[in-house]
């Protein structure tokens, strides 16, 4: 499992008290990063995590030197990670049909010039955008002395980076 998915998974468990399943393979070589359920409200979340060194953009970019696309656009995530038929069918197979999902995309940062438009489009598509830094900051405040390697690493880094 990718480190950033593990961080978000721990955040959902420790800070939001959700039950989670990670890295579910579905048809067509697709994968769902995290499915989470709130046992108090029965809200169900489909969470995708993509922390890149470049910011989230409105549209995915194409490199000039070739036709490779950078998977850094909101359009890519909506069509290939959340709305793809194989992903929707896989979720229905796991959770049953007609489940109402809340969707979360966790990224490293959002392109400043497009941030307002990205958030508006995300909101209109029932998608919440979170920054990985928010998850890390909330995990820092959770508890001390954890035996979970992700939480413990964050704890140690915050303690010794301040010195």
Foldseek 3Di string as FASTA:
>chain_A
DDLLLVLVCVLCCQVVVWDKDAFDAWPPRATQGIWTADPVPRAIEGEAEDEDPDAAAQDWDADPVDRDTDCRHPVCCVDPPPVDPRNQVVCCVVPNPPHDYQYEYEYQHHDPVCVVVSCVVCVVVNYHYHYSVVSLVSLCPRDPDDPPPSSPVSVVCVVPVVD
